[in-house]
Each structure stands twice: as C-alpha cells, then as structure tokens.
Amino acid sequence: MHAIVCHEHGEPDVMQYVEIPQPVPSAGEVLIQAEAIGVNYVDTMRRSGRHPAAPKTPFTPGIEVCGRVAQVGEGVQQFQTGDRVIGRCVTHGSYAEYVAVEERFTVACPEGTSSEQGAALFVTGQTAFHALVTMGGIAADENVLITAAAGGVGSCAVQVAKRLGANVIAAAGSPAKCELAKNIGADFVVDYSQSDWPQTVLDLTDGKGAALIIESVGGAVAKSCIRCWSPGGRLVIYGKASGEPATVSGDDLLFGNRRVYGLAVGTVIEDESLMRAAMDQLLEWLGQDQLKLPIGKVYALHEAAQAHIDLESRQTTGKLVLKPAG
C-alpha cells in the first residue's frame, strides 16, 4: 500500500509518498481502508518536531480517518468487515491507504455521512465540543468569542455554540473569513487584522465582553482577547497557529476573577465514555443537518506536503482532507 512516511522531522518536504507493507491489526484493533483522511494542525507540529510528544522517526503522520473495516483483530466485538467507521489514530498514523486503529477509538459512521465529513469530525468536532462544553462550561445566552472561526475547529465551534444557545462572536483574520463565519451562524464577526477589534467586541456586548473565549491562534491575537474578556470569564486555549503561545498575566486573572484552561483533546478522549457521548451528539447534529463541517480543500494523499504548506500559511478555511487514489 501507499503511505506518507517521515524519515526525519522538518519542513513539509520531509513527507515522502512511498510504498510500505499493509498493516495487520493487532488484538483490539480494526484495519480501516481509508476513504478520507483529516489534516490537523497538530499533524504539522508532529512532522516538524515542535510537538512535545513528537513521534520517533520514521513515522506516518495523521490522527483522523474515515473508511470501511477491512479486517478485525482478535477480541474486537463492536465492528466487523465492511462496517463504515471513523477512527482516531494513536499507535499508527492515518496518512495511508490502510490504517490500524484501536477499537476503543473507532465509532460507526452513518452511510449518509460523506467520507470527507467523517474524516473532519472526530478530532475537529471533539476539539470544538470539549473546548466549549467539557472545559469551557458553556451556558445559554452568554457571550462566546471564538478565534480562528473560519478554520476547521473554529467553524465547528461556532455552530456547536449556537446549538447550545450562546451569543457567538466569531473572530477571523480577513473579510472573506469573517463572511464564512457569518454564513455558518455566528451572531457577529470581527476581523482581527484590524487593531481595534477588541473594542468592537466590547461594543457588541454592551461593554460586558466575552464570558467564554475559545482561542487557538496565540501571540498577538490571544493578547488582544484579554482586552475584551469579561470579569469572571473563562479562556480555553487549544492551539497556537501563529507559532507563539498565548500569554496571560497573573493580574489578568487575579483582578478579574478569571480562569484559564488548556485543552489537549487527545488526553480528554482517553475517557471512552466521554468520547462516545460527544460523538453521539455530534453525529446526531450532523444527521439532522444542524451541523455542517466546511471542507476547505481535498488533496490526493501524495499531495500531503502541499496540504501542510497551505495549512501553515493560515490562508485556508474549513477542514483540509486527503484522499487515497482510487
């Protein structure tokens, strides 16, 4: 089979499209023939070696896959050959034609869900859900500010927050991205390429600011979020797309009675019951057409390096997806 393999950490060109042996599922694993593969920002961090738990080389990147079960390992009880599934990869990377995934990180994918949507749901959807619900404790009618709102997680978070009754302010880095966020349901949009955008948030909230902020850009954007963060508010940090971490001072917390949470979704969904409850809700919304996962661009598997280049440029919108040949 064909797969992407990194023999060293580095720039996108370290990802090589090569032929390797098809994996055999171990006990407790299912072998999935990939129909679509999700591309996530964490993939770029692991590829470059900037992730705190960057894999040892050689390795195949990727953590999301949607496809059909080709084979089941010993002891697997929930799935059988032919089942359509979504998987989150831990021990094996997903940028391949066949991927072995632990049963506990595999969920059924409805036939009516496209492979691209399926590949966009597990990590993207659960990051949005757990940022808002599990960590953020979102409440109806409160003001929620979501940065990178035109990206994969951000666009999902906008919709989930609306489903849960919040007043959603979507922040993005260009008029086009703001328009996308508006079209998927944001109540208000702000362009953080404009220096006065935190004041706009305050104006939109009658001076109250955002009670909950979902942040993944870091650097200057995160710093500006502090200027429109309401007293008693919460901040959930789940990324740093700018390459610079978010910085919050002790005084910002102390004198505003505020709280900051970090979200590494991979550790949260180690709780299988929590993971499956979130996936059930997300799939229900998706099936009822109450949740849409904008697909920004679909690449052939051998174009994985270009997908990473595009994602790291911060010029993309929606979810990026890879598809194996055939």
Protein backbone atom coordinates (compact mmCIF):
# COMPACT_ATOMS: atom_id res chain seq x y z
CA MET A 1 0.00 0.00 0.00
CA HIS A 2 0.98 3.66 -0.28
CA ALA A 3 1.53 5.91 2.70
CA ILE A 4 3.24 9.11 3.75
CA VAL A 5 6.40 8.46 5.78
CA CYS A 6 8.68 10.95 7.57
CA HIS A 7 12.23 9.69 7.99
CA GLU A 8 13.16 12.90 9.81
CA HIS A 9 11.43 15.89 11.39
CA GLY A 10 11.37 19.11 9.43
CA GLU A 11 9.59 21.10 6.76
CA PRO A 12 6.69 19.65 4.72
CA ASP A 13 9.06 18.15 2.15
CA VAL A 14 10.19 15.53 4.69
CA MET A 15 6.88 13.76 4.00
CA GLN A 16 7.54 11.12 1.37
CA TYR A 17 4.88 9.20 -0.56
CA VAL A 18 6.16 5.63 -0.51
CA GLU A 19 5.02 2.01 -0.71
CA ILE A 20 5.10 0.07 2.58
CA PRO A 21 3.59 -3.22 3.80
CA GLN A 22 -0.11 -3.18 4.61
CA PRO A 23 -0.56 -3.36 8.40
CA VAL A 24 -2.14 -6.32 10.14
CA PRO A 25 -4.47 -5.40 13.00
CA SER A 26 -3.28 -6.44 16.45
CA ALA A 27 -5.64 -7.65 19.14
CA GLY A 28 -8.23 -4.96 19.87
CA GLU A 29 -7.62 -3.14 16.56
CA VAL A 30 -9.58 -2.73 13.34
CA LEU A 31 -7.92 -2.26 9.96
CA ILE A 32 -9.60 0.57 8.07
CA GLN A 33 -9.36 1.04 4.31
CA ALA A 34 -9.19 4.83 4.17
CA GLU A 35 -11.71 6.79 2.13
CA ALA A 36 -10.71 10.19 3.53
CA ILE A 37 -8.09 11.43 6.00
CA GLY A 38 -8.32 14.56 8.13
CA VAL A 39 -5.47 17.07 8.22
CA ASN A 40 -4.98 18.78 11.57
CA TYR A 41 -2.65 21.50 12.81
CA VAL A 42 -1.19 19.04 15.31
CA ASP A 43 -0.01 16.96 12.32
CA THR A 44 2.24 19.84 11.27
CA MET A 45 3.67 20.14 14.80
CA ARG A 46 4.47 16.42 14.95
CA ARG A 47 6.00 16.50 11.48
CA SER A 48 8.24 19.44 12.32
CA GLY A 49 9.24 18.06 15.72
CA ARG A 50 7.73 21.04 17.57
CA HIS A 51 5.14 18.91 19.36
CA PRO A 52 6.06 17.98 22.97
CA ALA A 53 5.33 14.34 22.11
CA ALA A 54 6.66 14.32 18.55
CA PRO A 55 6.90 10.69 17.31
CA LYS A 56 10.19 8.97 16.74
CA THR A 57 11.25 8.62 13.12
CA PRO A 58 10.38 7.02 10.82
CA PHE A 59 6.64 7.56 11.24
CA THR A 60 3.43 8.13 9.31
CA PRO A 61 1.65 11.36 10.30
CA GLY A 62 -2.07 11.82 10.86
CA ILE A 63 -4.68 11.11 13.51
CA GLU A 64 -8.07 11.07 11.68
CA VAL A 65 -9.51 8.62 9.16
CA CYS A 66 -12.87 7.62 7.72
CA GLY A 67 -13.39 4.42 5.75
CA ARG A 68 -14.51 0.80 5.89
CA VAL A 69 -13.30 -2.01 8.11
CA ALA A 70 -11.12 -4.33 6.04
CA GLN A 71 -10.13 -6.69 8.85
CA VAL A 72 -10.62 -7.02 12.61
CA GLY A 73 -8.09 -8.10 15.19
CA GLU A 74 -8.60 -10.65 17.91
CA GLY A 75 -11.14 -9.66 20.54
CA VAL A 76 -12.88 -6.92 18.53
CA GLN A 77 -16.60 -7.04 19.26
CA GLN A 78 -18.19 -3.79 18.09
CA PHE A 79 -17.22 -3.92 14.40
CA GLN A 80 -16.96 -6.36 11.53
CA THR A 81 -15.58 -6.34 7.99
CA GLY A 82 -17.47 -3.90 5.78
CA ASP A 83 -18.61 -1.56 8.53
CA ARG A 84 -18.22 2.13 7.80
CA VAL A 85 -16.28 3.81 10.59
CA ILE A 86 -14.43 6.88 11.80
CA GLY A 87 -11.17 6.38 13.67
CA ARG A 88 -8.72 8.38 15.73
CA CYS A 89 -5.21 7.03 15.34
CA VAL A 90 -2.81 6.71 18.25
CA THR A 91 -0.27 3.98 17.54
CA HIS A 92 -0.37 4.24 13.72
CA GLY A 93 -0.58 7.35 11.51
CA SER A 94 -3.59 7.93 9.25
CA TYR A 95 -1.84 9.25 6.11
CA ALA A 96 -2.07 5.85 4.42
CA GLU A 97 -4.35 3.69 2.31
CA TYR A 98 -4.91 1.28 5.23
CA VAL A 99 -4.76 2.23 8.89
CA ALA A 100 -4.92 0.08 12.04
CA VAL A 101 -6.97 1.80 14.75
CA GLU A 102 -7.79 0.71 18.28
CA GLU A 103 -11.41 -0.39 18.65
CA ARG A 104 -11.84 1.98 21.59
CA PHE A 105 -11.05 4.91 19.29
CA THR A 106 -13.37 3.79 16.50
CA VAL A 107 -17.01 4.81 16.05
CA ALA A 108 -19.66 3.89 13.49
CA CYS A 109 -20.09 6.32 10.58
CA PRO A 110 -23.63 6.65 9.16
CA GLU A 111 -23.91 5.77 5.47
CA GLY A 112 -25.45 9.19 4.82
CA THR A 113 -22.31 10.98 6.04
CA SER A 114 -19.73 11.69 3.35
CA SER A 115 -16.22 10.36 3.85
CA GLU A 116 -14.89 13.94 3.89
CA GLN A 117 -17.32 14.91 6.66
CA GLY A 118 -16.47 11.74 8.56
CA ALA A 119 -12.76 12.50 8.35
CA ALA A 120 -13.42 16.01 9.63
CA LEU A 121 -15.48 15.01 12.64
CA PHE A 122 -13.51 13.03 15.20
CA VAL A 123 -10.69 15.36 16.17
CA THR A 124 -12.13 18.61 14.80
CA GLY A 125 -15.61 18.05 16.19
CA GLN A 126 -14.46 16.79 19.55
CA THR A 127 -11.97 19.62 19.98
CA ALA A 128 -14.77 22.12 19.42
CA PHE A 129 -17.18 20.23 21.67
CA HIS A 130 -14.81 19.67 24.57
CA ALA A 131 -13.43 23.21 24.40
CA LEU A 132 -16.93 24.62 24.72
CA VAL A 133 -18.59 22.06 26.97
CA THR A 134 -16.14 19.91 28.94
CA MET A 135 -13.57 22.62 29.63
CA GLY A 136 -15.46 25.86 28.94
CA GLY A 137 -18.75 25.02 30.68
CA ILE A 138 -20.71 26.99 28.08
CA ALA A 139 -24.06 28.40 29.20
CA ALA A 140 -27.02 29.56 27.15
CA ASP A 141 -27.25 33.27 26.38
CA GLU A 142 -23.66 34.08 27.36
CA ASN A 143 -21.24 35.82 25.01
CA VAL A 144 -18.73 33.43 23.45
CA LEU A 145 -15.74 34.62 21.41
CA ILE A 146 -14.16 32.09 19.04
CA THR A 147 -10.88 32.88 17.29
CA ALA A 148 -9.78 31.26 14.01
CA ALA A 149 -13.51 30.94 13.40
CA ALA A 150 -13.16 30.11 9.71
CA GLY A 151 -10.88 27.13 10.29
CA GLY A 152 -11.89 23.52 10.79
CA VAL A 153 -12.29 23.57 14.59
CA GLY A 154 -13.38 27.20 14.69
CA SER A 155 -16.20 26.79 12.18
CA CYS A 156 -17.42 23.72 14.05
CA ALA A 157 -17.21 25.56 17.38
CA VAL A 158 -19.31 28.44 16.03
CA GLN A 159 -22.10 26.01 15.17
CA VAL A 160 -21.87 23.98 18.38
CA ALA A 161 -22.00 27.15 20.46
CA LYS A 162 -25.13 28.26 18.58
CA ARG A 163 -26.74 24.83 19.07
CA LEU A 164 -26.17 25.31 22.81
CA GLY A 165 -27.79 28.73 22.86
CA ALA A 166 -24.81 31.09 23.15
CA ASN A 167 -24.36 34.51 21.59
CA VAL A 168 -21.45 33.84 19.24
CA ILE A 169 -18.82 36.36 18.20
CA ALA A 170 -16.56 34.87 15.53
CA ALA A 171 -13.09 36.34 15.06
CA ALA A 172 -11.04 35.72 11.92
CA GLY A 173 -8.17 37.31 10.03
CA SER A 174 -9.77 38.63 6.83
CA PRO A 175 -13.11 39.90 5.49
CA ALA A 176 -13.56 36.67 3.49
CA LYS A 177 -13.01 34.50 6.57
CA CYS A 178 -15.39 36.67 8.57
CA GLU A 179 -18.02 36.23 5.88
CA LEU A 180 -17.63 32.45 6.06
CA ALA A 181 -18.10 32.55 9.84
CA LYS A 182 -21.20 34.70 9.44
CA ASN A 183 -22.66 32.28 6.89
CA ILE A 184 -22.36 29.32 9.28
CA GLY A 185 -24.28 31.04 12.03
CA ALA A 186 -22.16 33.50 14.01
CA ASP A 187 -24.22 36.31 15.50
CA PHE A 188 -21.38 38.79 14.99
CA VAL A 189 -17.98 38.73 13.30
CA VAL A 190 -14.82 40.72 13.96
CA ASP A 191 -11.69 40.93 11.82
CA TYR A 192 -8.57 40.68 13.99
CA SER A 193 -6.41 42.12 11.27
CA GLN A 194 -7.94 45.40 12.48
CA SER A 195 -6.18 46.78 15.55
CA ASP A 196 -9.35 47.98 17.28
CA TRP A 197 -11.20 44.66 17.14
CA PRO A 198 -11.34 44.09 20.95
CA GLN A 199 -13.23 47.40 21.27
CA THR A 200 -15.66 46.13 18.64
CA VAL A 201 -16.30 43.05 20.79
CA LEU A 202 -16.96 45.30 23.80
CA ASP A 203 -19.33 47.44 21.75
CA LEU A 204 -21.21 44.38 20.52
CA THR A 205 -21.66 43.14 24.10
CA ASP A 206 -22.68 46.47 25.67
CA GLY A 207 -19.30 46.70 27.36
CA LYS A 208 -19.53 43.28 29.03
CA GLY A 209 -17.01 41.43 26.86
CA ALA A 210 -16.86 37.69 26.25
CA ALA A 211 -17.66 35.36 29.15
CA LEU A 212 -16.04 32.43 27.32
CA ILE A 213 -13.17 32.66 24.82
CA ILE A 214 -12.09 29.71 22.67
CA GLU A 215 -8.56 30.52 21.46
CA SER A 216 -6.13 28.77 19.11
CA VAL A 217 -4.03 31.48 17.46
CA GLY A 218 -1.78 32.60 20.30
CA GLY A 219 0.59 35.55 20.17
CA ALA A 220 -0.90 38.97 19.50
CA VAL A 221 -4.41 37.65 18.91
CA ALA A 222 -4.50 35.91 22.28
CA LYS A 223 -3.12 39.02 23.98
CA SER A 224 -5.85 41.13 22.40
CA CYS A 225 -8.52 38.70 23.61
CA ILE A 226 -7.66 39.73 27.18
CA ARG A 227 -8.87 43.26 26.38
CA CYS A 228 -12.43 42.04 25.76
CA TRP A 229 -12.62 39.26 28.36
CA SER A 230 -15.39 39.76 30.91
CA PRO A 231 -14.81 39.58 34.68
CA GLY A 232 -15.43 36.04 35.90
CA GLY A 233 -14.85 34.74 32.40
CA ARG A 234 -13.13 31.58 31.12
CA LEU A 235 -10.47 31.17 28.45
CA VAL A 236 -9.84 27.81 26.76
CA ILE A 237 -6.58 27.52 24.83
CA TYR A 238 -6.27 24.61 22.40
CA GLY A 239 -3.58 25.72 19.93
CA LYS A 240 -1.08 28.33 18.75
CA ALA A 241 -1.43 28.62 14.98
CA SER A 242 0.73 31.75 14.96
CA GLY A 243 3.60 29.74 16.41
CA GLU A 244 3.61 31.90 19.53
CA PRO A 245 1.93 30.72 22.75
CA ALA A 246 -0.84 32.67 24.43
CA THR A 247 0.36 34.64 27.44
CA VAL A 248 -1.96 35.59 30.30
CA SER A 249 -0.66 37.54 33.31
CA GLY A 250 -1.45 36.75 36.90
CA ASP A 251 -3.03 40.19 37.25
CA ASP A 252 -5.43 39.48 34.38
CA LEU A 253 -6.66 36.51 36.38
CA LEU A 254 -6.44 37.96 39.87
CA PHE A 255 -8.25 41.24 39.30
CA GLY A 256 -10.92 39.77 37.06
CA ASN A 257 -11.61 36.52 38.92
CA ARG A 258 -10.94 34.73 35.64
CA ARG A 259 -9.97 31.17 34.76
CA VAL A 260 -7.78 29.67 32.01
CA TYR A 261 -7.99 26.09 30.75
CA GLY A 262 -5.76 24.22 28.34
CA LEU A 263 -7.22 21.55 26.08
CA ALA A 264 -5.20 18.69 24.61
CA VAL A 265 -8.15 16.79 23.20
CA GLY A 266 -6.18 13.57 22.79
CA THR A 267 -5.94 13.16 26.55
CA VAL A 268 -9.57 14.15 27.18
CA ILE A 269 -10.92 11.47 24.85
CA GLU A 270 -8.89 8.78 26.58
CA ASP A 271 -12.13 8.63 28.58
CA GLU A 272 -14.04 6.40 26.15
CA SER A 273 -17.46 7.13 27.64
CA LEU A 274 -16.85 10.89 27.34
CA MET A 275 -15.60 10.46 23.77
CA ARG A 276 -18.58 8.35 22.66
CA ALA A 277 -21.11 10.68 24.27
CA ALA A 278 -19.61 13.63 22.40
CA MET A 279 -19.50 11.72 19.10
CA ASP A 280 -23.12 10.62 19.51
CA GLN A 281 -24.18 14.25 19.92
CA LEU A 282 -22.06 15.48 17.02
CA LEU A 283 -23.30 12.73 14.69
CA GLU A 284 -26.89 13.47 15.71
CA TRP A 285 -26.49 17.14 14.82
CA LEU A 286 -24.74 16.21 11.57
CA GLY A 287 -27.51 13.78 10.62
CA GLN A 288 -30.18 16.39 11.37
CA ASP A 289 -28.35 18.95 9.22
CA GLN A 290 -27.85 21.12 12.32
CA LEU A 291 -24.08 20.88 11.95
CA LYS A 292 -22.07 21.36 8.77
CA LEU A 293 -18.35 20.77 8.50
CA PRO A 294 -17.00 23.09 5.79
CA ILE A 295 -14.40 21.26 3.70
CA GLY A 296 -11.84 23.79 2.59
CA LYS A 297 -9.94 21.63 0.10
CA VAL A 298 -9.45 17.97 -0.78
CA TYR A 299 -5.95 16.78 -1.75
CA ALA A 300 -4.68 13.48 -3.11
CA LEU A 301 -2.73 11.55 -0.49
CA HIS A 302 0.54 12.17 -2.35
CA GLU A 303 -0.13 15.93 -2.00
CA ALA A 304 0.13 15.84 1.80
CA ALA A 305 3.13 18.19 1.80
CA GLN A 306 1.15 20.83 -0.08
CA ALA A 307 -1.73 20.45 2.37
CA HIS A 308 0.68 21.20 5.23
CA ILE A 309 2.14 24.18 3.39
CA ASP A 310 -1.34 25.59 2.83
CA LEU A 311 -2.45 24.96 6.42
CA GLU A 312 0.64 26.57 7.92
CA SER A 313 0.17 29.64 5.70
CA ARG A 314 -3.02 30.40 7.70
CA GLN A 315 -4.74 31.25 4.43
CA THR A 316 -7.06 28.24 4.38
CA THR A 317 -10.65 27.95 5.52
CA GLY A 318 -12.59 24.92 6.68
CA LYS A 319 -11.18 21.43 7.03
CA LEU A 320 -8.41 20.09 4.79
CA VAL A 321 -8.76 16.45 3.73
CA LEU A 322 -6.55 13.89 1.97
CA LYS A 323 -7.94 11.11 -0.22
CA PRO A 324 -6.09 7.98 -1.30
CA ALA A 325 -6.05 7.13 -5.01
CA GLY A 326 -9.00 5.09 -6.27
